[in-house]
Amino acid sequence: MIYRLLALNIDGTLLQSNGKIQKSTKEAIEYVGQKGIYVTLMTSRSFPSARKVARALKIKTPLITHQGAYISSVLEKPIYVKRITEEITYDTVRLLETVPCQIRLVHEQFSLANKLKLHNNLLAKTVFTSGDPVFYSQQFVPSLSEYLHDQPVTPPKIEVYFETESDLKDAKIALEKMYTEIDMIELDSLRLDIVPAGVSKLSGLTYLGQQLGISKKEMVVIGEGMDDIPLIEEVGLGVAMWNARYEVKRAADWVTRSQNENGVAYMVKEHFRKQQPIEFLRKMNIIKK
């Protein structure tokens, strides 16, 4: 099979556990690009945060961000965007405020969160350490619902960090009963992403593939999160990081090394060195488009 697009998760995949990108990873991404293969990022992060990583890797293909709700290469000109309505955002926040949780409205230009202090210190540290660039406005307010009453927001995504697993389960059930216009994505037992109905990393990757004229069977995905499983199962070659959970590895066609052991670079060099450049394959009429 000839692969024409490589999609990469950011956290736990491209980045080491210290948040840095290895030199070998940058070289591997450049190597793939020189062969004429599109490279994109597919992430739950905001667009500005993902674009910061893309710039470090010199990736120019549109990025799949906000769990697939915002696809763009330039902030002001998204090729796809889907938002949660003002009314549903407000009602969702009001329900979530009845349980101890950190609520973060993730817009492409800013984020807005409540000031609730989580007792789970490790969890509290994760909320605003997602690599957001310094120019990305991050605001805390005492009451999100009061803020939204006067200044409505239509975010592509809402992130929720719970203190207990039972609170997450209860909130998810309640929201599913309230609305069919939103979907819930569990990243782990304490983290829930709320997105417009039909939005996911897979839907985003499918849309980008249609824009580029590339089928899912011509794609390679490398990921480590539970939200990466649908993509890993659907594309031509699904790759899991060694540091991924067992469920992710089980879904994969291939398991590479961990994020701290050049996992992305190792997989890319092992596989793509065998594939001829796309332009050469076109000249040989092996690729018709």
Protein backbone atom coordinates (compact mmCIF):
# COMPACT_ATOMS: atom_id res chain seq x y z
CA MET A 1 0.00 0.00 0.00
CA ILE A 2 1.17 3.53 -0.81
CA TYR A 3 0.60 6.03 1.98
CA ARG A 4 0.12 9.71 1.18
CA LEU A 5 -0.71 11.27 4.56
CA LEU A 6 0.77 10.90 8.05
CA ALA A 7 -1.37 12.09 10.98
CA LEU A 8 0.24 12.49 14.40
CA ASN A 9 -1.12 13.01 17.88
CA ILE A 10 0.82 15.56 19.93
CA ASP A 11 0.77 14.69 23.63
CA GLY A 12 2.27 11.31 24.42
CA THR A 13 3.31 10.88 20.79
CA LEU A 14 5.30 13.75 19.27
CA LEU A 15 6.29 15.26 22.60
CA GLN A 16 8.53 13.63 25.16
CA SER A 17 7.26 13.45 28.73
CA ASN A 18 9.20 16.69 29.39
CA GLY A 19 7.18 18.47 26.69
CA LYS A 20 10.05 18.75 24.20
CA ILE A 21 10.40 17.47 20.64
CA GLN A 22 13.41 15.28 19.91
CA LYS A 23 15.74 16.29 17.10
CA SER A 24 15.29 12.87 15.49
CA THR A 25 11.52 13.46 15.37
CA LYS A 26 11.97 16.77 13.53
CA GLU A 27 14.31 15.07 11.07
CA ALA A 28 11.83 12.24 10.50
CA ILE A 29 8.97 14.66 9.76
CA GLU A 30 11.18 16.55 7.32
CA TYR A 31 12.16 13.25 5.68
CA VAL A 32 8.52 12.29 5.12
CA GLY A 33 7.71 15.75 3.74
CA GLN A 34 10.54 15.52 1.24
CA LYS A 35 8.92 12.38 -0.14
CA GLY A 36 5.79 14.38 -0.92
CA ILE A 37 3.71 12.90 1.90
CA TYR A 38 1.33 15.24 3.70
CA VAL A 39 1.88 15.51 7.46
CA THR A 40 -0.79 16.79 9.83
CA LEU A 41 -1.47 16.93 13.55
CA MET A 42 -4.74 15.62 15.05
CA THR A 43 -5.23 16.73 18.62
CA SER A 44 -7.60 17.77 21.40
CA ARG A 45 -5.49 20.91 21.84
CA SER A 46 -6.58 24.36 20.72
CA PHE A 47 -5.51 25.55 17.28
CA PRO A 48 -2.94 28.09 18.57
CA SER A 49 -1.34 25.41 20.74
CA ALA A 50 -1.20 22.90 17.87
CA ARG A 51 0.11 25.50 15.45
CA LYS A 52 3.00 26.20 17.83
CA VAL A 53 4.03 22.54 17.53
CA ALA A 54 3.43 22.54 13.76
CA ARG A 55 5.74 25.50 13.29
CA ALA A 56 8.51 23.73 15.19
CA LEU A 57 8.10 20.78 12.80
CA LYS A 58 7.60 22.99 9.69
CA ILE A 59 4.21 21.39 9.00
CA LYS A 60 2.08 23.44 6.59
CA THR A 61 -0.86 21.06 6.05
CA PRO A 62 -4.11 22.10 7.80
CA LEU A 63 -4.23 20.89 11.41
CA ILE A 64 -7.08 18.90 13.01
CA THR A 65 -7.62 20.57 16.38
CA HIS A 66 -10.25 20.89 19.13
CA GLN A 67 -10.95 17.14 18.71
CA GLY A 68 -11.77 17.74 15.01
CA ALA A 69 -14.03 20.77 15.49
CA TYR A 70 -11.51 23.25 14.06
CA ILE A 71 -9.38 22.46 11.00
CA SER A 72 -7.06 25.10 9.64
CA SER A 73 -3.53 26.12 8.79
CA VAL A 74 -4.23 29.80 9.46
CA LEU A 75 -6.23 31.05 12.46
CA GLU A 76 -8.34 33.51 10.50
CA LYS A 77 -9.24 31.11 7.67
CA PRO A 78 -10.38 27.69 8.92
CA ILE A 79 -11.38 25.19 6.25
CA TYR A 80 -13.81 23.62 8.73
CA VAL A 81 -15.26 24.77 12.04
CA LYS A 82 -18.19 23.53 14.10
CA ARG A 83 -19.26 25.15 17.34
CA ILE A 84 -21.41 24.46 20.37
CA THR A 85 -24.27 26.96 20.40
CA GLU A 86 -24.56 29.75 22.98
CA GLU A 87 -27.62 28.16 24.58
CA ILE A 88 -26.16 24.67 24.86
CA THR A 89 -22.85 26.05 26.15
CA TYR A 90 -24.67 28.00 28.85
CA ASP A 91 -26.91 25.09 29.93
CA THR A 92 -24.01 22.65 29.89
CA VAL A 93 -21.93 24.92 32.11
CA ARG A 94 -24.82 25.37 34.54
CA LEU A 95 -25.20 21.61 34.91
CA LEU A 96 -21.46 21.07 35.34
CA GLU A 97 -21.27 23.75 38.01
CA THR A 98 -23.37 21.50 40.27
CA VAL A 99 -20.39 19.14 40.71
CA PRO A 100 -16.74 19.85 41.66
CA CYS A 101 -14.95 20.14 38.34
CA GLN A 102 -12.75 22.47 36.32
CA ILE A 103 -14.60 23.69 33.23
CA ARG A 104 -12.64 25.18 30.34
CA LEU A 105 -14.31 26.70 27.27
CA VAL A 106 -11.72 26.29 24.52
CA HIS A 107 -12.18 28.82 21.73
CA GLU A 108 -9.65 29.15 18.91
CA GLN A 109 -8.74 32.67 20.13
CA PHE A 110 -8.99 32.29 23.91
CA SER A 111 -9.92 29.99 26.76
CA LEU A 112 -12.24 30.70 29.66
CA ALA A 113 -12.36 28.66 32.88
CA ASN A 114 -13.88 28.69 36.35
CA LYS A 115 -11.72 29.36 39.40
CA LEU A 116 -12.63 26.17 41.24
CA LYS A 117 -9.63 24.70 43.06
CA LEU A 118 -9.40 20.97 42.58
CA HIS A 119 -8.36 18.83 45.52
CA ASN A 120 -6.61 16.48 43.13
CA ASN A 121 -3.33 18.41 42.83
CA LEU A 122 -1.98 16.38 39.92
CA LEU A 123 -5.18 16.99 37.99
CA ALA A 124 -5.13 20.69 38.75
CA LYS A 125 -1.66 20.97 37.25
CA THR A 126 -2.76 19.47 33.94
CA VAL A 127 -5.46 22.02 33.19
CA PHE A 128 -3.23 24.83 31.99
CA THR A 129 -0.01 23.10 31.02
CA SER A 130 -1.09 22.10 27.52
CA GLY A 131 1.50 24.18 25.70
CA ASP A 132 -0.73 27.16 24.96
CA PRO A 133 1.37 30.00 23.52
CA VAL A 134 1.82 33.19 25.53
CA PHE A 135 -0.41 35.23 23.20
CA TYR A 136 -3.35 32.86 23.73
CA SER A 137 -5.64 34.53 26.28
CA GLN A 138 -6.49 32.34 29.28
CA GLN A 139 -9.00 33.82 31.69
CA PHE A 140 -10.41 32.56 35.00
CA VAL A 141 -13.76 33.77 36.28
CA PRO A 142 -15.57 33.06 39.60
CA SER A 143 -18.72 31.84 37.81
CA LEU A 144 -18.77 30.75 34.18
CA SER A 145 -22.55 30.76 33.95
CA GLU A 146 -22.74 34.36 35.19
CA TYR A 147 -20.07 35.37 32.69
CA LEU A 148 -21.87 33.62 29.83
CA HIS A 149 -25.17 35.24 30.75
CA ASP A 150 -23.68 38.62 29.80
CA GLN A 151 -21.06 37.51 27.27
CA PRO A 152 -22.14 34.39 25.36
CA VAL A 153 -19.47 32.13 23.85
CA THR A 154 -19.69 29.52 21.08
CA PRO A 155 -16.64 27.28 21.66
CA PRO A 156 -15.62 24.41 19.39
CA LYS A 157 -14.89 22.40 22.55
CA ILE A 158 -15.45 22.31 26.31
CA GLU A 159 -12.89 20.52 28.50
CA VAL A 160 -13.99 19.22 31.89
CA TYR A 161 -11.65 17.92 34.61
CA PHE A 162 -13.46 16.00 37.37
CA GLU A 163 -12.34 15.07 40.87
CA THR A 164 -14.04 11.66 40.85
CA GLU A 165 -14.89 9.06 38.23
CA SER A 166 -18.48 8.87 39.46
CA ASP A 167 -18.99 12.61 38.86
CA LEU A 168 -17.79 12.20 35.28
CA LYS A 169 -20.13 9.28 34.64
CA ASP A 170 -23.11 11.07 36.17
CA ALA A 171 -22.46 14.28 34.24
CA LYS A 172 -22.04 12.38 30.98
CA ILE A 173 -25.35 10.53 31.44
CA ALA A 174 -27.16 13.77 32.31
CA LEU A 175 -25.77 15.63 29.29
CA GLU A 176 -26.63 12.77 26.94
CA LYS A 177 -30.22 13.00 28.13
CA MET A 178 -30.30 16.78 27.74
CA TYR A 179 -28.92 17.17 24.23
CA THR A 180 -28.37 15.28 20.99
CA GLU A 181 -26.46 18.26 19.60
CA ILE A 182 -23.27 17.45 21.53
CA ASP A 183 -21.00 14.43 21.91
CA MET A 184 -18.83 13.45 24.87
CA ILE A 185 -15.30 12.08 24.45
CA GLU A 186 -13.67 10.44 27.49
CA LEU A 187 -9.92 10.96 27.41
CA ASP A 188 -9.50 9.19 30.74
CA SER A 189 -11.48 8.48 33.89
CA LEU A 190 -11.39 12.14 35.01
CA ARG A 191 -11.28 14.09 31.72
CA LEU A 192 -14.23 14.71 29.41
CA ASP A 193 -14.22 16.69 26.16
CA ILE A 194 -17.58 18.01 24.96
CA VAL A 195 -17.84 18.74 21.23
CA PRO A 196 -20.58 19.40 18.67
CA ALA A 197 -22.42 16.24 17.58
CA GLY A 198 -20.56 14.29 14.91
CA VAL A 199 -17.20 15.86 15.71
CA SER A 200 -14.17 13.67 16.41
CA LYS A 201 -10.57 13.32 15.36
CA LEU A 202 -11.74 10.69 12.87
CA SER A 203 -14.37 12.95 11.31
CA GLY A 204 -11.76 15.70 11.08
CA LEU A 205 -9.21 13.43 9.42
CA THR A 206 -11.84 12.13 7.01
CA TYR A 207 -12.78 15.70 6.06
CA LEU A 208 -9.16 16.72 5.52
CA GLY A 209 -8.59 13.61 3.40
CA GLN A 210 -11.54 14.55 1.20
CA GLN A 211 -10.11 18.04 0.70
CA LEU A 212 -6.74 16.58 -0.31
CA GLY A 213 -8.15 13.72 -2.40
CA ILE A 214 -6.71 11.07 -0.06
CA SER A 215 -8.65 8.04 1.16
CA LYS A 216 -8.39 6.73 4.73
CA LYS A 217 -6.61 3.62 3.42
CA GLU A 218 -3.82 5.89 2.17
CA MET A 219 -3.24 7.32 5.65
CA VAL A 220 -0.97 6.44 8.56
CA VAL A 221 -1.96 7.49 12.08
CA ILE A 222 0.35 7.46 15.10
CA GLY A 223 -1.28 8.01 18.49
CA GLU A 224 -1.48 6.98 22.12
CA GLY A 225 -4.81 8.25 23.49
CA MET A 226 -8.13 6.48 23.85
CA ASP A 227 -9.57 9.06 21.45
CA ASP A 228 -7.03 7.88 18.84
CA ILE A 229 -8.46 4.35 18.69
CA PRO A 230 -11.17 5.06 16.05
CA LEU A 231 -8.55 6.53 13.73
CA ILE A 232 -6.04 3.74 14.34
CA GLU A 233 -8.72 1.18 13.50
CA GLU A 234 -9.98 2.99 10.40
CA VAL A 235 -6.88 4.08 8.45
CA GLY A 236 -4.56 2.06 6.26
CA LEU A 237 -1.88 1.77 8.94
CA GLY A 238 -2.67 2.47 12.59
CA VAL A 239 0.32 2.82 14.91
CA ALA A 240 0.31 2.98 18.71
CA MET A 241 3.07 4.34 20.92
CA TRP A 242 4.62 1.93 23.41
CA ASN A 243 3.54 4.25 26.23
CA ALA A 244 -0.12 3.97 25.14
CA ARG A 245 -2.71 2.04 27.13
CA TYR A 246 -3.29 -1.60 26.32
CA GLU A 247 -6.58 -0.86 24.52
CA VAL A 248 -4.79 1.46 22.08
CA LYS A 249 -2.03 -1.04 21.37
CA ARG A 250 -4.57 -3.80 20.81
CA ALA A 251 -6.33 -1.70 18.16
CA ALA A 252 -3.10 -0.92 16.29
CA ASP A 253 -1.48 -2.64 13.32
CA TRP A 254 1.94 -1.67 14.60
CA VAL A 255 3.38 -0.65 17.99
CA THR A 256 6.41 1.62 17.95
CA ARG A 257 8.77 2.72 20.70
CA SER A 258 7.71 5.10 23.46
CA GLN A 259 7.58 8.90 23.32
CA ASN A 260 10.94 9.09 25.14
CA GLU A 261 12.61 6.50 22.89
CA ASN A 262 12.25 8.11 19.45
CA GLY A 263 8.98 6.26 18.79
CA VAL A 264 7.78 8.49 15.94
CA ALA A 265 11.20 8.72 14.28
CA TYR A 266 11.73 4.96 14.56
CA MET A 267 8.38 4.13 12.95
CA VAL A 268 8.78 6.69 10.16
CA LYS A 269 12.26 5.54 9.20
CA GLU A 270 11.36 1.86 9.41
CA HIS A 271 8.34 2.21 7.16
CA PHE A 272 8.64 5.22 4.86
CA ARG A 273 12.20 4.51 3.73
CA LYS A 274 10.69 1.66 1.72
CA GLN A 275 8.26 3.95 -0.11
CA GLN A 276 9.32 5.90 -3.20
CA PRO A 277 8.63 9.66 -3.37
CA ILE A 278 5.07 10.51 -4.42
CA GLU A 279 6.23 12.47 -7.48
CA PHE A 280 8.23 9.49 -8.73
CA LEU A 281 5.21 7.20 -8.26
CA ARG A 282 3.14 9.63 -10.36
CA LYS A 283 5.72 9.62 -13.13
CA MET A 284 5.61 5.82 -13.15
CA ASN A 285 1.78 6.02 -13.33
CA ILE A 286 1.57 4.07 -10.08
CA ILE A 287 -0.41 6.98 -8.63
CA LYS A 288 -2.93 8.49 -11.04
CA LYS A 289 -3.82 11.62 -9.06
